[in-house]
């Protein structure tokens, strides 16, 4: 199972989606205030006061964890390539939701706070995972075509 190319790309996608949780999506600093958007929460630190808001910002992590779980399930379904392709398509939607919600929430925070800030790695990890998922789906489709061709030869 691990010798297959698509399994390696799906493992990279899982690593990107899990690693995304530990890095910020967006952060900005003012003279006295530091604002950070993580996939799990939005935090504001003003002096000694920390404020943390989980909802609606945790939707980024929910999409990311769901996509990572689906990628792991996709690796386990190596015997049924058609199901793998369907799971890969669903996984692409979850990753797009993760990336879209991260970008949307970061842009909303920029508009509300009137600070440009800087984007973090968590905004780009779902895009890398999406590319790896697309490459894995391509290799799964290649395997399916190879099996169909060999069935026709018999």
N, C-alpha and C. Protein backbone atom coordinates (compact mmCIF):
# COMPACT_ATOMS: atom_id res chain seq x y z
N UNK A 1 0.82 -1.18 0.00
CA UNK A 1 0.00 0.00 0.00
C UNK A 1 0.88 1.26 0.00
N UNK A 2 1.94 1.33 0.80
CA UNK A 2 2.75 2.54 0.87
C UNK A 2 3.65 2.71 -0.34
N UNK A 3 3.83 1.65 -1.13
CA UNK A 3 4.69 1.78 -2.29
C UNK A 3 3.97 2.48 -3.44
N UNK A 4 2.67 2.67 -3.33
CA UNK A 4 1.93 3.34 -4.38
C UNK A 4 2.14 4.85 -4.28
N UNK A 5 2.26 5.49 -5.44
CA UNK A 5 2.56 6.92 -5.48
C UNK A 5 1.44 7.75 -4.85
N UNK A 6 0.20 7.37 -5.11
CA UNK A 6 -0.91 8.16 -4.60
C UNK A 6 -0.97 8.15 -3.07
N UNK A 7 -0.51 7.08 -2.46
CA UNK A 7 -0.50 7.01 -1.00
C UNK A 7 0.47 8.03 -0.43
N UNK A 8 1.60 8.21 -1.08
CA UNK A 8 2.59 9.19 -0.63
C UNK A 8 2.01 10.60 -0.73
N UNK A 9 1.34 10.89 -1.84
CA UNK A 9 0.76 12.23 -2.01
C UNK A 9 -0.38 12.47 -1.02
N UNK A 10 -1.17 11.44 -0.74
CA UNK A 10 -2.23 11.60 0.26
C UNK A 10 -1.65 11.78 1.66
N UNK A 11 -0.53 11.14 1.94
CA UNK A 11 0.13 11.32 3.24
C UNK A 11 0.67 12.75 3.37
N UNK A 12 1.19 13.30 2.29
CA UNK A 12 1.65 14.70 2.31
C UNK A 12 0.46 15.63 2.54
N UNK A 13 -0.67 15.32 1.92
CA UNK A 13 -1.88 16.13 2.11
C UNK A 13 -2.33 16.08 3.57
N UNK A 14 -2.28 14.89 4.17
CA UNK A 14 -2.66 14.75 5.58
C UNK A 14 -1.72 15.57 6.46
N UNK A 15 -0.41 15.49 6.18
CA UNK A 15 0.57 16.25 6.97
C UNK A 15 0.32 17.76 6.86
N UNK A 16 -0.01 18.23 5.66
CA UNK A 16 -0.29 19.66 5.47
C UNK A 16 -1.54 20.08 6.24
N UNK A 17 -2.58 19.25 6.17
CA UNK A 17 -3.84 19.61 6.82
C UNK A 17 -3.74 19.55 8.35
N UNK A 18 -2.99 18.61 8.86
CA UNK A 18 -2.81 18.54 10.32
C UNK A 18 -1.86 19.64 10.78
N UNK A 19 -0.80 19.88 10.01
CA UNK A 19 0.16 20.93 10.36
C UNK A 19 -0.44 22.32 10.31
N UNK A 20 -1.47 22.47 9.50
CA UNK A 20 -2.13 23.77 9.36
C UNK A 20 -2.68 24.27 10.70
N UNK A 21 -3.08 23.37 11.58
CA UNK A 21 -3.71 23.75 12.84
C UNK A 21 -2.75 24.49 13.76
N UNK A 22 -1.46 24.26 13.60
CA UNK A 22 -0.47 24.81 14.52
C UNK A 22 0.12 26.14 14.10
N UNK A 23 -0.20 26.60 12.90
CA UNK A 23 0.34 27.86 12.40
C UNK A 23 -0.78 28.89 12.22
N UNK A 24 -0.45 30.18 12.31
CA UNK A 24 -1.51 31.19 12.15
C UNK A 24 -1.92 31.36 10.69
N UNK A 25 -3.18 31.75 10.51
CA UNK A 25 -3.70 32.08 9.18
C UNK A 25 -3.37 33.53 8.86
N UNK A 26 -3.54 34.39 9.86
CA UNK A 26 -3.32 35.83 9.69
C UNK A 26 -2.92 36.42 11.03
N UNK A 27 -2.03 37.39 11.00
CA UNK A 27 -1.70 38.09 12.24
C UNK A 27 -1.35 39.54 11.95
N UNK A 28 -1.71 40.40 12.90
CA UNK A 28 -1.44 41.82 12.77
C UNK A 28 -1.06 42.38 14.14
N UNK A 29 -0.20 43.38 14.11
CA UNK A 29 0.24 44.02 15.35
C UNK A 29 0.00 45.52 15.24
N UNK A 30 -0.51 46.05 16.33
CA UNK A 30 -0.70 47.48 16.48
C UNK A 30 0.29 47.94 17.55
N UNK A 31 0.19 49.18 17.99
CA UNK A 31 1.10 49.65 19.04
C UNK A 31 0.91 48.84 20.33
N UNK A 32 -0.32 48.58 20.71
CA UNK A 32 -0.59 47.88 21.97
C UNK A 32 -1.32 46.56 21.78
N UNK A 33 -1.75 46.26 20.59
CA UNK A 33 -2.62 45.10 20.35
C UNK A 33 -1.97 44.15 19.36
N UNK A 34 -2.12 42.87 19.66
CA UNK A 34 -1.68 41.82 18.73
C UNK A 34 -2.88 40.92 18.43
N UNK A 35 -3.23 40.81 17.14
CA UNK A 35 -4.36 39.98 16.72
C UNK A 35 -3.84 38.83 15.88
N UNK A 36 -4.30 37.62 16.23
CA UNK A 36 -3.86 36.43 15.52
C UNK A 36 -5.06 35.55 15.23
N UNK A 37 -5.19 35.13 13.98
CA UNK A 37 -6.23 34.18 13.59
C UNK A 37 -5.58 32.83 13.36
N UNK A 38 -5.88 31.89 14.23
CA UNK A 38 -5.47 30.50 14.06
C UNK A 38 -6.66 29.74 13.50
N UNK A 39 -6.45 28.56 12.93
CA UNK A 39 -7.59 27.80 12.42
C UNK A 39 -8.60 27.41 13.50
N UNK A 40 -8.18 27.39 14.75
CA UNK A 40 -9.10 27.03 15.84
C UNK A 40 -9.77 28.23 16.50
N UNK A 41 -9.10 29.39 16.50
CA UNK A 41 -9.65 30.54 17.21
C UNK A 41 -9.03 31.84 16.70
N UNK A 42 -9.64 32.93 17.15
CA UNK A 42 -9.13 34.27 16.89
C UNK A 42 -8.75 34.87 18.24
N UNK A 43 -7.51 35.26 18.39
CA UNK A 43 -7.04 35.80 19.67
C UNK A 43 -6.59 37.24 19.55
N UNK A 44 -6.94 38.02 20.56
CA UNK A 44 -6.52 39.41 20.65
C UNK A 44 -5.83 39.60 21.98
N UNK A 45 -4.60 40.12 21.94
CA UNK A 45 -3.87 40.38 23.17
C UNK A 45 -3.61 41.87 23.27
N UNK A 46 -4.20 42.47 24.30
CA UNK A 46 -4.03 43.88 24.57
C UNK A 46 -3.40 44.01 25.95
N UNK A 47 -2.14 44.36 25.98
CA UNK A 47 -1.45 44.44 27.27
C UNK A 47 -1.41 43.08 27.93
N UNK A 48 -2.04 42.96 29.11
CA UNK A 48 -2.08 41.69 29.82
C UNK A 48 -3.39 40.94 29.61
N UNK A 49 -4.29 41.49 28.81
CA UNK A 49 -5.61 40.89 28.62
C UNK A 49 -5.62 40.08 27.32
N UNK A 50 -5.96 38.81 27.43
CA UNK A 50 -6.10 37.93 26.26
C UNK A 50 -7.58 37.64 26.03
N UNK A 51 -8.02 37.82 24.81
CA UNK A 51 -9.39 37.50 24.44
C UNK A 51 -9.34 36.46 23.32
N UNK A 52 -10.12 35.39 23.51
CA UNK A 52 -10.14 34.30 22.52
C UNK A 52 -11.58 34.06 22.10
N UNK A 53 -11.79 34.01 20.78
CA UNK A 53 -13.11 33.74 20.21
C UNK A 53 -12.99 32.51 19.32
N UNK A 54 -13.78 31.48 19.63
CA UNK A 54 -13.69 30.23 18.86
C UNK A 54 -14.65 30.18 17.68
N UNK A 55 -15.88 30.64 17.88
CA UNK A 55 -16.87 30.55 16.82
C UNK A 55 -16.98 31.87 16.11
N UNK A 56 -16.98 31.97 14.85
CA UNK A 56 -17.05 31.04 13.73
C UNK A 56 -15.69 30.62 13.19
N UNK A 57 -14.60 31.02 13.88
CA UNK A 57 -13.26 30.81 13.34
C UNK A 57 -12.82 29.35 13.36
N UNK A 58 -13.45 28.54 14.19
CA UNK A 58 -13.08 27.13 14.26
C UNK A 58 -13.54 26.34 13.04
N UNK A 59 -14.33 26.94 12.17
CA UNK A 59 -14.79 26.25 10.96
C UNK A 59 -13.62 25.90 10.05
N UNK A 60 -12.55 26.69 10.11
CA UNK A 60 -11.35 26.41 9.32
C UNK A 60 -10.75 25.07 9.75
N UNK A 61 -10.61 24.88 11.07
CA UNK A 61 -10.05 23.64 11.59
C UNK A 61 -11.00 22.46 11.35
N UNK A 62 -12.29 22.70 11.43
CA UNK A 62 -13.25 21.61 11.20
C UNK A 62 -13.12 21.10 9.77
N UNK A 63 -13.06 22.02 8.80
CA UNK A 63 -12.87 21.60 7.42
C UNK A 63 -11.52 20.88 7.23
N UNK A 64 -10.48 21.40 7.86
CA UNK A 64 -9.15 20.80 7.73
C UNK A 64 -9.07 19.41 8.32
N UNK A 65 -9.63 19.22 9.50
CA UNK A 65 -9.60 17.91 10.14
C UNK A 65 -10.48 16.92 9.38
N UNK A 66 -11.61 17.39 8.88
CA UNK A 66 -12.48 16.52 8.07
C UNK A 66 -11.76 16.08 6.80
N UNK A 67 -11.05 17.00 6.16
CA UNK A 67 -10.31 16.65 4.94
C UNK A 67 -9.16 15.69 5.24
N UNK A 68 -8.46 15.89 6.36
CA UNK A 68 -7.38 14.98 6.73
C UNK A 68 -7.92 13.58 7.03
N UNK A 69 -9.05 13.51 7.72
CA UNK A 69 -9.68 12.23 8.02
C UNK A 69 -10.11 11.52 6.75
N UNK A 70 -10.69 12.27 5.83
CA UNK A 70 -11.12 11.69 4.57
C UNK A 70 -9.93 11.21 3.74
N UNK A 71 -8.80 11.92 3.81
CA UNK A 71 -7.60 11.47 3.12
C UNK A 71 -7.10 10.15 3.70
N UNK A 72 -7.14 10.02 5.02
CA UNK A 72 -6.74 8.77 5.66
C UNK A 72 -7.66 7.62 5.26
N UNK A 73 -8.95 7.91 5.19
CA UNK A 73 -9.90 6.89 4.75
C UNK A 73 -9.65 6.51 3.29
N UNK A 74 -9.27 7.50 2.49
CA UNK A 74 -9.00 7.26 1.08
C UNK A 74 -7.79 6.34 0.90
N UNK A 75 -6.79 6.49 1.76
CA UNK A 75 -5.63 5.59 1.71
C UNK A 75 -6.06 4.16 2.02
N UNK A 76 -6.95 4.00 2.98
CA UNK A 76 -7.40 2.68 3.39
C UNK A 76 -8.26 1.97 2.37
N UNK A 77 -8.83 2.69 1.43
CA UNK A 77 -9.72 2.11 0.42
C UNK A 77 -8.96 1.78 -0.87
N UNK A 78 -7.71 1.34 -0.76
CA UNK A 78 -6.89 1.12 -1.95
C UNK A 78 -7.40 -0.02 -2.83
N UNK A 79 -8.24 -0.89 -2.31
CA UNK A 79 -8.76 -1.99 -3.11
C UNK A 79 -9.91 -1.56 -4.02
N UNK A 80 -10.58 -0.48 -3.67
CA UNK A 80 -11.73 0.01 -4.44
C UNK A 80 -11.37 1.39 -5.02
N UNK A 81 -10.80 1.40 -6.21
CA UNK A 81 -10.30 2.64 -6.79
C UNK A 81 -11.41 3.61 -7.16
N UNK A 82 -12.57 3.12 -7.56
CA UNK A 82 -13.67 4.04 -7.89
C UNK A 82 -14.15 4.78 -6.65
N UNK A 83 -14.22 4.08 -5.52
CA UNK A 83 -14.57 4.75 -4.26
C UNK A 83 -13.49 5.75 -3.87
N UNK A 84 -12.24 5.40 -4.13
CA UNK A 84 -11.15 6.33 -3.85
C UNK A 84 -11.30 7.61 -4.67
N UNK A 85 -11.67 7.47 -5.92
CA UNK A 85 -11.86 8.66 -6.75
C UNK A 85 -13.00 9.54 -6.24
N UNK A 86 -14.08 8.91 -5.79
CA UNK A 86 -15.20 9.68 -5.25
C UNK A 86 -14.81 10.37 -3.95
N UNK A 87 -14.07 9.66 -3.09
CA UNK A 87 -13.61 10.28 -1.85
C UNK A 87 -12.64 11.43 -2.14
N UNK A 88 -11.83 11.27 -3.19
CA UNK A 88 -10.91 12.34 -3.57
C UNK A 88 -11.64 13.59 -4.04
N UNK A 89 -12.75 13.40 -4.75
CA UNK A 89 -13.54 14.55 -5.21
C UNK A 89 -14.19 15.25 -4.01
N UNK A 90 -14.73 14.47 -3.08
CA UNK A 90 -15.31 15.05 -1.87
C UNK A 90 -14.24 15.76 -1.04
N UNK A 91 -13.07 15.15 -1.00
CA UNK A 91 -11.96 15.74 -0.25
C UNK A 91 -11.54 17.08 -0.84
N UNK A 92 -11.58 17.19 -2.15
CA UNK A 92 -11.25 18.47 -2.79
C UNK A 92 -12.24 19.56 -2.37
N UNK A 93 -13.51 19.18 -2.24
CA UNK A 93 -14.50 20.16 -1.79
C UNK A 93 -14.23 20.60 -0.35
N UNK A 94 -13.87 19.66 0.51
CA UNK A 94 -13.56 20.02 1.90
C UNK A 94 -12.33 20.91 1.99
N UNK A 95 -11.31 20.60 1.20
CA UNK A 95 -10.11 21.44 1.20
C UNK A 95 -10.40 22.83 0.65
N UNK A 96 -11.24 22.90 -0.37
CA UNK A 96 -11.64 24.21 -0.90
C UNK A 96 -12.42 24.99 0.15
N UNK A 97 -13.27 24.29 0.91
CA UNK A 97 -13.99 24.95 2.00
C UNK A 97 -13.05 25.46 3.07
N UNK A 98 -12.03 24.69 3.38
CA UNK A 98 -11.03 25.09 4.37
C UNK A 98 -10.27 26.33 3.89
N UNK A 99 -9.82 26.28 2.66
CA UNK A 99 -9.07 27.40 2.11
C UNK A 99 -9.95 28.64 1.95
N UNK A 100 -11.17 28.43 1.46
CA UNK A 100 -12.08 29.56 1.27
C UNK A 100 -12.49 30.21 2.58
N UNK A 101 -12.78 29.39 3.59
CA UNK A 101 -13.18 29.97 4.88
C UNK A 101 -12.02 30.69 5.54
N UNK A 102 -10.80 30.18 5.39
CA UNK A 102 -9.64 30.86 5.96
C UNK A 102 -9.43 32.21 5.28
N UNK A 103 -9.52 32.24 3.96
CA UNK A 103 -9.34 33.51 3.24
C UNK A 103 -10.47 34.49 3.57
N UNK A 104 -11.70 33.99 3.62
CA UNK A 104 -12.84 34.86 3.91
C UNK A 104 -12.73 35.48 5.30
N UNK A 105 -12.42 34.65 6.30
CA UNK A 105 -12.34 35.17 7.67
C UNK A 105 -11.16 36.12 7.84
N UNK A 106 -10.04 35.83 7.18
CA UNK A 106 -8.89 36.74 7.26
C UNK A 106 -9.22 38.08 6.61
N UNK A 107 -9.89 38.06 5.46
CA UNK A 107 -10.26 39.30 4.79
C UNK A 107 -11.25 40.10 5.62
N UNK A 108 -12.21 39.41 6.25
CA UNK A 108 -13.17 40.10 7.12
C UNK A 108 -12.46 40.76 8.30
N UNK A 109 -11.47 40.09 8.89
CA UNK A 109 -10.73 40.68 10.00
C UNK A 109 -9.90 41.88 9.55
N UNK A 110 -9.35 41.81 8.35
CA UNK A 110 -8.60 42.95 7.81
C UNK A 110 -9.53 44.14 7.63
N UNK A 111 -10.73 43.91 7.11
CA UNK A 111 -11.69 45.00 6.90
C UNK A 111 -12.17 45.59 8.22
N UNK A 112 -12.43 44.74 9.21
CA UNK A 112 -12.96 45.22 10.49
C UNK A 112 -11.90 45.99 11.26
N UNK A 113 -10.68 45.48 11.30
CA UNK A 113 -9.63 46.08 12.12
C UNK A 113 -8.81 47.15 11.40
N UNK A 114 -8.98 47.28 10.09
CA UNK A 114 -8.25 48.25 9.28
C UNK A 114 -6.74 48.09 9.44
N UNK A 115 -6.29 46.84 9.58
CA UNK A 115 -4.88 46.52 9.63
C UNK A 115 -4.59 45.48 8.56
N UNK A 116 -3.51 45.70 7.82
CA UNK A 116 -3.21 44.73 6.76
C UNK A 116 -2.65 43.44 7.34
N UNK A 117 -1.71 43.51 8.24
CA UNK A 117 -1.14 42.32 8.85
C UNK A 117 -0.39 41.49 7.83
N UNK A 118 -0.20 40.23 8.18
CA UNK A 118 0.49 39.31 7.27
C UNK A 118 -0.19 37.95 7.33
N UNK A 119 -0.15 37.26 6.21
CA UNK A 119 -0.75 35.93 6.13
C UNK A 119 0.26 34.90 6.61
N UNK A 120 -0.25 33.87 7.26
CA UNK A 120 0.61 32.81 7.77
C UNK A 120 0.57 31.57 6.90
N UNK A 121 1.27 30.54 7.35
CA UNK A 121 1.36 29.30 6.60
C UNK A 121 0.03 28.56 6.48
N UNK A 122 -0.83 28.73 7.44
CA UNK A 122 -2.10 27.99 7.43
C UNK A 122 -3.01 28.39 6.28
N UNK A 123 -2.75 29.51 5.68
CA UNK A 123 -3.54 29.90 4.52
C UNK A 123 -3.10 29.14 3.27
N UNK A 124 -1.83 28.72 3.26
CA UNK A 124 -1.28 28.09 2.07
C UNK A 124 -1.24 26.56 2.15
N UNK A 125 -1.24 26.00 3.36
CA UNK A 125 -1.21 24.54 3.51
C UNK A 125 -2.39 23.84 2.84
N UNK A 126 -3.62 24.34 2.94
CA UNK A 126 -4.71 23.65 2.22
C UNK A 126 -4.53 23.66 0.70
N UNK A 127 -3.91 24.69 0.17
CA UNK A 127 -3.65 24.73 -1.27
C UNK A 127 -2.64 23.65 -1.67
N UNK A 128 -1.62 23.47 -0.85
CA UNK A 128 -0.63 22.42 -1.11
C UNK A 128 -1.30 21.06 -1.01
N UNK A 129 -2.16 20.89 -0.01
CA UNK A 129 -2.88 19.62 0.16
C UNK A 129 -3.81 19.36 -1.02
N UNK A 130 -4.42 20.41 -1.54
CA UNK A 130 -5.31 20.26 -2.69
C UNK A 130 -4.55 19.80 -3.93
N UNK A 131 -3.38 20.36 -4.14
CA UNK A 131 -2.56 19.94 -5.28
C UNK A 131 -2.13 18.48 -5.11
N UNK A 132 -1.71 18.10 -3.90
CA UNK A 132 -1.33 16.70 -3.65
C UNK A 132 -2.51 15.76 -3.85
N UNK A 133 -3.70 16.18 -3.45
CA UNK A 133 -4.90 15.37 -3.65
C UNK A 133 -5.21 15.20 -5.13
N UNK A 134 -5.04 16.25 -5.91
CA UNK A 134 -5.28 16.17 -7.35
C UNK A 134 -4.27 15.23 -8.02
N UNK A 135 -3.02 15.29 -7.59
CA UNK A 135 -2.00 14.39 -8.15
C UNK A 135 -2.31 12.95 -7.76
N UNK A 136 -2.73 12.73 -6.51
CA UNK A 136 -3.09 11.38 -6.06
C UNK A 136 -4.27 10.85 -6.88
N UNK A 137 -5.26 11.69 -7.13
CA UNK A 137 -6.41 11.26 -7.94
C UNK A 137 -5.98 10.90 -9.36
N UNK A 138 -5.03 11.62 -9.88
CA UNK A 138 -4.53 11.31 -11.22
C UNK A 138 -3.88 9.92 -11.24
N UNK A 139 -3.09 9.60 -10.21
CA UNK A 139 -2.45 8.28 -10.15
C UNK A 139 -3.47 7.17 -9.89
N UNK A 140 -4.50 7.46 -9.13
CA UNK A 140 -5.57 6.48 -8.89
C UNK A 140 -6.28 6.18 -10.22
N UNK A 141 -6.56 7.21 -10.99
CA UNK A 141 -7.20 7.04 -12.29
C UNK A 141 -6.30 6.24 -13.23
N UNK A 142 -4.99 6.49 -13.17
CA UNK A 142 -4.04 5.72 -13.99
C UNK A 142 -4.08 4.24 -13.62
N UNK A 143 -4.12 3.94 -12.31
CA UNK A 143 -4.21 2.55 -11.86
C UNK A 143 -5.50 1.91 -12.35
N UNK A 144 -6.59 2.63 -12.27
CA UNK A 144 -7.88 2.09 -12.71
C UNK A 144 -7.86 1.79 -14.21
N UNK A 145 -7.29 2.68 -14.98
CA UNK A 145 -7.19 2.44 -16.42
C UNK A 145 -6.29 1.25 -16.73
N UNK A 146 -5.22 1.08 -15.97
CA UNK A 146 -4.33 -0.05 -16.15
C UNK A 146 -5.04 -1.37 -15.85
N UNK A 147 -5.85 -1.39 -14.80
CA UNK A 147 -6.61 -2.59 -14.46
C UNK A 147 -7.65 -2.89 -15.54
N UNK A 148 -8.33 -1.87 -16.05
CA UNK A 148 -9.31 -2.07 -17.12
C UNK A 148 -8.65 -2.62 -18.38
N UNK A 149 -7.46 -2.09 -18.72
CA UNK A 149 -6.74 -2.57 -19.90
C UNK A 149 -6.32 -4.02 -19.73
N UNK A 150 -5.89 -4.39 -18.54
CA UNK A 150 -5.45 -5.77 -18.33
C UNK A 150 -6.64 -6.72 -18.32
N UNK A 151 -7.82 -6.26 -17.91
CA UNK A 151 -9.01 -7.10 -17.95
C UNK A 151 -9.45 -7.35 -19.39
N UNK A 152 -9.25 -6.40 -20.27
CA UNK A 152 -9.61 -6.56 -21.66
C UNK A 152 -8.69 -7.55 -22.37
N UNK A 153 -7.45 -7.64 -21.92
CA UNK A 153 -6.49 -8.55 -22.56
C UNK A 153 -6.78 -10.01 -22.23
N UNK A 154 -7.41 -10.25 -21.09
CA UNK A 154 -7.69 -11.65 -20.71
C UNK A 154 -8.75 -12.16 -21.57
